[in-house]
Structure formats: structure tokens, C-alpha cells
Amino acid sequence: MKLGGFSCSCRLPSSGWLHTPAGPFLAQAPEVAAGKAYHCPADVWSWGVLLARPSFADIVVKLAAACEDLQATARQI
């Protein structure tokens, strides 16, 4: 397994909560994808997604890409 994406890293504030979405949409915890505050359990969720790639992952990747395209279009409107 190759670890990467450290350009998205940040220092955890004293409150322990983050508010900025990070990482690929497909691996985001539900609270991150919803734009809510999150903390360490969201990282555990993402790690689990990366470790347990389902057999139907190709379909999910295409769906996630379509969702990201829709989100980008919505931001432009």
C-alpha cells in the first residue's frame, strides 16, 4: 500500500474539530462529505474505505466521479 496525500494535512486545532473537507470524495466520512465538523473518527472511516475496496469498486468510482462533477457544476452556478 502506498500512502500519499500529505499535501492535505493540517494541524489539529485545540478544539479537536476540523471544518474543511479534504481527501477524495469516495473515501470521505459521511460528516466530511456533508460539510459538517469532524475529528479523528473520520480518518478511521477513510482508512477503512481504503482497506476494504469492494468488488464493485469500479462502479463506485464512476459514480463518485459523476457526483464530484455535479458538485463542481453546482459551485459554478
N, C-alpha and C. Protein backbone atom coordinates (compact mmCIF):
# COMPACT_ATOMS: atom_id res chain seq x y z
N MET A 1 0.85 -1.17 0.00
CA MET A 1 0.00 0.00 0.00
C MET A 1 0.89 1.23 0.00
N LYS A 2 0.50 2.23 -0.75
CA LYS A 2 1.25 3.47 -0.82
C LYS A 2 0.45 4.57 -0.13
N LEU A 3 1.08 5.25 0.80
CA LEU A 3 0.43 6.37 1.47
C LEU A 3 0.78 7.65 0.74
N GLY A 4 -0.18 8.53 0.63
CA GLY A 4 0.05 9.81 -0.03
C GLY A 4 -0.97 10.82 0.41
N GLY A 5 -0.97 11.95 -0.26
CA GLY A 5 -1.94 12.99 0.06
C GLY A 5 -1.58 13.84 1.25
N PHE A 6 -0.29 13.86 1.59
CA PHE A 6 0.10 14.64 2.75
C PHE A 6 0.01 16.15 2.51
N SER A 7 -0.21 16.54 1.26
CA SER A 7 -0.40 17.97 0.98
C SER A 7 -1.72 18.46 1.57
N CYS A 8 -2.61 17.54 1.92
CA CYS A 8 -3.89 17.90 2.53
C CYS A 8 -3.82 17.93 4.05
N SER A 9 -2.66 17.62 4.61
CA SER A 9 -2.56 17.54 6.07
C SER A 9 -2.64 18.92 6.71
N CYS A 10 -3.01 18.94 7.97
CA CYS A 10 -3.08 20.19 8.71
C CYS A 10 -2.91 19.89 10.20
N ARG A 11 -2.67 20.94 10.95
CA ARG A 11 -2.57 20.79 12.40
C ARG A 11 -3.98 20.77 12.98
N LEU A 12 -4.18 19.89 13.92
CA LEU A 12 -5.47 19.79 14.58
C LEU A 12 -5.62 20.97 15.54
N PRO A 13 -6.68 21.77 15.41
CA PRO A 13 -6.88 22.90 16.32
C PRO A 13 -7.12 22.41 17.75
N SER A 14 -6.97 23.30 18.70
CA SER A 14 -7.14 22.93 20.11
C SER A 14 -8.54 22.40 20.40
N SER A 15 -9.52 22.80 19.59
CA SER A 15 -10.89 22.30 19.79
C SER A 15 -11.00 20.82 19.42
N GLY A 16 -10.07 20.34 18.58
CA GLY A 16 -10.11 18.95 18.14
C GLY A 16 -11.02 18.71 16.95
N TRP A 17 -11.66 19.74 16.43
CA TRP A 17 -12.61 19.60 15.33
C TRP A 17 -12.10 20.33 14.09
N LEU A 18 -12.28 19.72 12.94
CA LEU A 18 -11.94 20.33 11.66
C LEU A 18 -13.22 20.64 10.91
N HIS A 19 -13.13 21.59 9.99
CA HIS A 19 -14.32 22.01 9.24
C HIS A 19 -14.11 22.01 7.72
N THR A 20 -12.86 21.82 7.29
CA THR A 20 -12.55 21.89 5.87
C THR A 20 -12.54 20.50 5.25
N PRO A 21 -13.35 20.28 4.21
CA PRO A 21 -13.34 18.97 3.55
C PRO A 21 -11.97 18.68 2.95
N ALA A 22 -11.54 17.44 3.02
CA ALA A 22 -10.25 17.04 2.45
C ALA A 22 -10.34 15.61 1.97
N GLY A 23 -9.47 15.28 1.05
CA GLY A 23 -9.41 13.92 0.55
C GLY A 23 -10.39 13.66 -0.57
N PRO A 24 -10.24 12.52 -1.23
CA PRO A 24 -11.15 12.19 -2.33
C PRO A 24 -12.56 11.92 -1.83
N PHE A 25 -13.54 12.34 -2.60
CA PHE A 25 -14.94 12.20 -2.22
C PHE A 25 -15.28 10.75 -1.87
N LEU A 26 -14.73 9.82 -2.62
CA LEU A 26 -15.05 8.40 -2.43
C LEU A 26 -14.66 7.89 -1.04
N ALA A 27 -13.61 8.46 -0.45
CA ALA A 27 -13.12 7.98 0.84
C ALA A 27 -13.54 8.87 2.01
N GLN A 28 -14.33 9.91 1.75
CA GLN A 28 -14.73 10.82 2.83
C GLN A 28 -15.77 10.18 3.74
N ALA A 29 -15.61 10.44 5.03
CA ALA A 29 -16.62 10.02 6.00
C ALA A 29 -17.90 10.82 5.73
N PRO A 30 -19.06 10.29 6.11
CA PRO A 30 -20.32 10.99 5.84
C PRO A 30 -20.35 12.43 6.36
N GLU A 31 -19.79 12.67 7.56
CA GLU A 31 -19.82 14.02 8.10
C GLU A 31 -18.94 14.97 7.30
N VAL A 32 -17.85 14.47 6.75
CA VAL A 32 -16.97 15.31 5.92
C VAL A 32 -17.68 15.65 4.62
N ALA A 33 -18.27 14.64 3.97
CA ALA A 33 -18.99 14.85 2.72
C ALA A 33 -20.17 15.80 2.89
N ALA A 34 -20.78 15.80 4.08
CA ALA A 34 -21.92 16.67 4.36
C ALA A 34 -21.49 18.08 4.75
N GLY A 35 -20.18 18.31 4.88
CA GLY A 35 -19.69 19.64 5.24
C GLY A 35 -19.80 19.95 6.72
N LYS A 36 -19.97 18.92 7.55
CA LYS A 36 -20.09 19.13 8.99
C LYS A 36 -18.71 19.07 9.64
N ALA A 37 -18.62 19.51 10.89
CA ALA A 37 -17.37 19.41 11.65
C ALA A 37 -17.04 17.94 11.88
N TYR A 38 -15.75 17.63 11.87
CA TYR A 38 -15.33 16.24 12.07
C TYR A 38 -14.02 16.20 12.84
N HIS A 39 -13.68 15.00 13.33
CA HIS A 39 -12.40 14.81 14.02
C HIS A 39 -11.87 13.41 13.72
N CYS A 40 -11.05 12.85 14.54
CA CYS A 40 -10.29 11.62 14.25
C CYS A 40 -11.11 10.44 13.72
N PRO A 41 -12.32 10.17 14.20
CA PRO A 41 -13.06 9.02 13.65
C PRO A 41 -13.28 9.11 12.13
N ALA A 42 -13.30 10.32 11.58
CA ALA A 42 -13.45 10.45 10.12
C ALA A 42 -12.24 9.86 9.41
N ASP A 43 -11.05 9.98 10.02
CA ASP A 43 -9.85 9.38 9.44
C ASP A 43 -9.93 7.86 9.48
N VAL A 44 -10.49 7.33 10.55
CA VAL A 44 -10.66 5.88 10.67
C VAL A 44 -11.60 5.38 9.58
N TRP A 45 -12.68 6.11 9.34
CA TRP A 45 -13.64 5.77 8.28
C TRP A 45 -12.90 5.70 6.94
N SER A 46 -12.14 6.76 6.62
CA SER A 46 -11.43 6.81 5.34
C SER A 46 -10.43 5.67 5.21
N TRP A 47 -9.72 5.37 6.27
CA TRP A 47 -8.77 4.27 6.26
C TRP A 47 -9.49 2.95 5.97
N GLY A 48 -10.64 2.75 6.58
CA GLY A 48 -11.43 1.55 6.34
C GLY A 48 -11.89 1.44 4.90
N VAL A 49 -12.29 2.56 4.32
CA VAL A 49 -12.70 2.57 2.92
C VAL A 49 -11.54 2.15 2.03
N LEU A 50 -10.36 2.66 2.33
CA LEU A 50 -9.19 2.34 1.52
C LEU A 50 -8.76 0.88 1.68
N LEU A 51 -8.93 0.33 2.87
CA LEU A 51 -8.53 -1.06 3.11
C LEU A 51 -9.53 -2.07 2.57
N ALA A 52 -10.80 -1.72 2.52
CA ALA A 52 -11.85 -2.67 2.15
C ALA A 52 -12.45 -2.31 0.80
N ARG A 53 -11.62 -2.24 -0.21
CA ARG A 53 -12.11 -1.90 -1.55
C ARG A 53 -13.05 -3.01 -2.03
N PRO A 54 -14.32 -2.68 -2.28
CA PRO A 54 -15.29 -3.70 -2.67
C PRO A 54 -15.08 -4.18 -4.11
N SER A 55 -15.66 -5.33 -4.42
CA SER A 55 -15.52 -5.89 -5.76
C SER A 55 -16.20 -5.03 -6.82
N PHE A 56 -17.14 -4.20 -6.40
CA PHE A 56 -17.85 -3.33 -7.34
C PHE A 56 -17.25 -1.92 -7.33
N ALA A 57 -15.99 -1.80 -6.95
CA ALA A 57 -15.34 -0.50 -6.77
C ALA A 57 -15.33 0.33 -8.05
N ASP A 58 -15.18 -0.30 -9.20
CA ASP A 58 -15.13 0.46 -10.45
C ASP A 58 -16.42 1.24 -10.67
N ILE A 59 -17.54 0.63 -10.35
CA ILE A 59 -18.83 1.31 -10.49
C ILE A 59 -18.91 2.46 -9.49
N VAL A 60 -18.46 2.23 -8.27
CA VAL A 60 -18.50 3.26 -7.24
C VAL A 60 -17.60 4.43 -7.62
N VAL A 61 -16.43 4.14 -8.19
CA VAL A 61 -15.50 5.19 -8.61
C VAL A 61 -16.15 6.05 -9.69
N LYS A 62 -16.82 5.43 -10.65
CA LYS A 62 -17.50 6.19 -11.70
C LYS A 62 -18.63 7.04 -11.12
N LEU A 63 -19.37 6.48 -10.17
CA LEU A 63 -20.45 7.22 -9.53
C LEU A 63 -19.89 8.40 -8.74
N ALA A 64 -18.80 8.17 -8.01
CA ALA A 64 -18.18 9.25 -7.23
C ALA A 64 -17.68 10.36 -8.15
N ALA A 65 -17.10 9.99 -9.30
CA ALA A 65 -16.63 11.00 -10.25
C ALA A 65 -17.80 11.82 -10.78
N ALA A 66 -18.92 11.15 -11.06
CA ALA A 66 -20.11 11.87 -11.52
C ALA A 66 -20.62 12.82 -10.44
N CYS A 67 -20.59 12.39 -9.18
CA CYS A 67 -21.02 13.25 -8.07
C CYS A 67 -20.11 14.46 -7.93
N GLU A 68 -18.79 14.24 -8.08
CA GLU A 68 -17.85 15.36 -7.99
C GLU A 68 -18.10 16.34 -9.12
N ASP A 69 -18.41 15.83 -10.33
CA ASP A 69 -18.73 16.71 -11.45
C ASP A 69 -19.97 17.54 -11.15
N LEU A 70 -20.98 16.90 -10.55
CA LEU A 70 -22.21 17.62 -10.20
C LEU A 70 -21.93 18.68 -9.14
N GLN A 71 -21.09 18.34 -8.15
CA GLN A 71 -20.76 19.31 -7.11
C GLN A 71 -20.00 20.50 -7.71
N ALA A 72 -19.08 20.24 -8.62
CA ALA A 72 -18.32 21.31 -9.26
C ALA A 72 -19.25 22.21 -10.07
N THR A 73 -20.18 21.60 -10.79
CA THR A 73 -21.14 22.38 -11.57
C THR A 73 -22.02 23.22 -10.66
N ALA A 74 -22.47 22.64 -9.55
CA ALA A 74 -23.32 23.38 -8.61
C ALA A 74 -22.58 24.57 -8.02
N ARG A 75 -21.27 24.42 -7.76
CA ARG A 75 -20.49 25.54 -7.21
C ARG A 75 -20.36 26.66 -8.23
N GLN A 76 -20.33 26.32 -9.52
CA GLN A 76 -20.18 27.34 -10.56
C GLN A 76 -21.46 28.12 -10.79
N ILE A 77 -22.58 27.52 -10.46
CA ILE A 77 -23.88 28.17 -10.71
C ILE A 77 -24.12 29.29 -9.75
